Amino acid sequence: MARWRKSHEGPVPLGESLARVAAQISQRDLVGLAAIQRRWDEAVDPEILLHVSPLRLDGATLVVAVDEPTWATKVRLISGDLLTTLNGAPGVDVDGVVAVVRAP
């Protein structure tokens, strides 16, 4: 794995940066996220679909992006049903949902 560079060593080459990021993303997370994205439309109501989207897997936690804090609250309220629906898909094994607010 690439080592961290000291600030006086200059810019980090793009290839080195990408290699570091790629090493942190597991194949399991990529497969799981792809399965979640395929089931997302049926896992959430159409109204939620407009404001909430899967962002990444952080271990067994699904991180979703929401466009307003109120949608983060809604995600917490439906998280049990959401996890049940998503975990029914092959390759998905999530045990929690975290919402992060992002500008629309």
Protein backbone atom coordinates (compact mmCIF):
# COMPACT_ATOMS: atom_id res chain seq x y z
CA MET A 1 0.00 0.00 0.00
CA ALA A 2 1.19 3.49 -0.73
CA ARG A 3 2.70 5.42 2.13
CA TRP A 4 1.48 8.83 3.20
CA ARG A 5 3.54 11.63 1.76
CA LYS A 6 4.90 14.52 3.73
CA SER A 7 3.69 17.96 2.69
CA HIS A 8 7.16 18.99 1.55
CA GLU A 9 7.31 16.11 -0.94
CA GLY A 10 4.94 17.91 -3.31
CA PRO A 11 1.70 16.79 -4.95
CA VAL A 12 0.65 13.16 -4.87
CA PRO A 13 0.47 11.60 -8.34
CA LEU A 14 -3.09 10.75 -9.35
CA GLY A 15 -2.26 7.07 -9.90
CA GLU A 16 -0.91 6.79 -6.36
CA SER A 17 -4.01 8.46 -4.94
CA LEU A 18 -6.35 6.20 -6.91
CA ALA A 19 -4.42 3.09 -5.87
CA ARG A 20 -4.78 4.08 -2.22
CA VAL A 21 -8.54 4.62 -2.57
CA ALA A 22 -9.05 1.41 -4.55
CA ALA A 23 -7.20 -0.59 -1.89
CA GLN A 24 -9.68 0.64 0.71
CA ILE A 25 -12.76 -0.47 -1.26
CA SER A 26 -13.52 -4.15 -0.86
CA GLN A 27 -15.04 -6.30 -3.59
CA ARG A 28 -17.75 -7.31 -1.13
CA ASP A 29 -18.73 -3.67 -0.61
CA LEU A 30 -18.91 -3.07 -4.37
CA VAL A 31 -21.10 -6.13 -4.95
CA GLY A 32 -23.32 -5.22 -2.01
CA LEU A 33 -23.72 -1.61 -3.11
CA ALA A 34 -24.58 -2.67 -6.66
CA ALA A 35 -27.27 -5.04 -5.30
CA ILE A 36 -28.64 -2.25 -3.09
CA GLN A 37 -28.82 0.15 -6.02
CA ARG A 38 -30.71 -2.44 -8.08
CA ARG A 39 -33.32 -2.87 -5.30
CA TRP A 40 -33.48 0.75 -4.16
CA ASP A 41 -36.62 1.61 -6.19
CA GLU A 42 -38.61 -1.16 -4.54
CA ALA A 43 -37.08 -0.65 -1.09
CA VAL A 44 -38.26 2.95 -0.62
CA ASP A 45 -41.41 4.91 -1.39
CA PRO A 46 -41.40 7.15 -4.48
CA GLU A 47 -41.41 10.27 -2.29
CA ILE A 48 -38.29 9.08 -0.44
CA LEU A 49 -36.67 8.11 -3.73
CA LEU A 50 -36.58 11.78 -4.72
CA HIS A 51 -34.62 12.79 -1.61
CA VAL A 52 -32.55 9.78 -0.49
CA SER A 53 -30.00 7.72 -2.42
CA PRO A 54 -27.48 5.01 -1.50
CA LEU A 55 -23.98 6.45 -1.31
CA ARG A 56 -21.63 3.71 -0.09
CA LEU A 57 -21.15 0.79 2.25
CA ASP A 58 -18.99 1.36 5.29
CA GLY A 59 -18.46 -2.21 6.43
CA ALA A 60 -21.96 -3.48 7.22
CA THR A 61 -23.45 0.03 7.39
CA LEU A 62 -25.24 1.56 4.43
CA VAL A 63 -24.52 5.27 4.08
CA VAL A 64 -27.24 7.18 2.25
CA ALA A 65 -27.25 10.75 1.00
CA VAL A 66 -30.24 12.94 1.86
CA ASP A 67 -30.94 16.45 0.61
CA GLU A 68 -32.41 17.80 3.88
CA PRO A 69 -32.17 16.89 7.57
CA THR A 70 -35.85 15.94 7.67
CA TRP A 71 -35.09 13.08 5.28
CA ALA A 72 -32.36 11.84 7.60
CA THR A 73 -35.02 11.56 10.31
CA LYS A 74 -37.30 9.69 7.91
CA VAL A 75 -34.47 7.27 7.07
CA ARG A 76 -34.02 6.52 10.79
CA LEU A 77 -37.76 5.85 11.11
CA ILE A 78 -37.88 3.40 8.21
CA SER A 79 -34.45 1.83 8.73
CA GLY A 80 -35.81 -1.46 10.07
CA ASP A 81 -38.07 -2.04 7.06
CA LEU A 82 -35.39 -0.78 4.72
CA LEU A 83 -32.81 -3.24 6.08
CA THR A 84 -35.30 -6.12 5.85
CA THR A 85 -36.04 -5.36 2.20
CA LEU A 86 -32.42 -4.80 1.19
CA ASN A 87 -31.03 -7.82 3.05
CA GLY A 88 -33.34 -10.02 0.98
CA ALA A 89 -31.12 -9.38 -2.05
CA PRO A 90 -28.20 -11.70 -2.81
CA GLY A 91 -24.89 -10.10 -1.85
CA VAL A 92 -26.43 -7.67 0.65
CA ASP A 93 -25.68 -7.95 4.36
CA VAL A 94 -26.18 -4.61 6.08
CA ASP A 95 -26.95 -4.07 9.74
CA GLY A 96 -27.41 -0.32 9.88
CA VAL A 97 -28.18 2.83 7.93
CA VAL A 98 -26.57 6.23 8.37
CA ALA A 99 -27.78 9.34 6.57
CA VAL A 100 -25.53 12.21 5.55
CA VAL A 101 -27.00 15.52 4.43
CA ARG A 102 -25.83 16.71 1.03
CA ALA A 103 -26.94 19.73 -0.92
CA PRO A 104 -29.48 18.88 -3.64
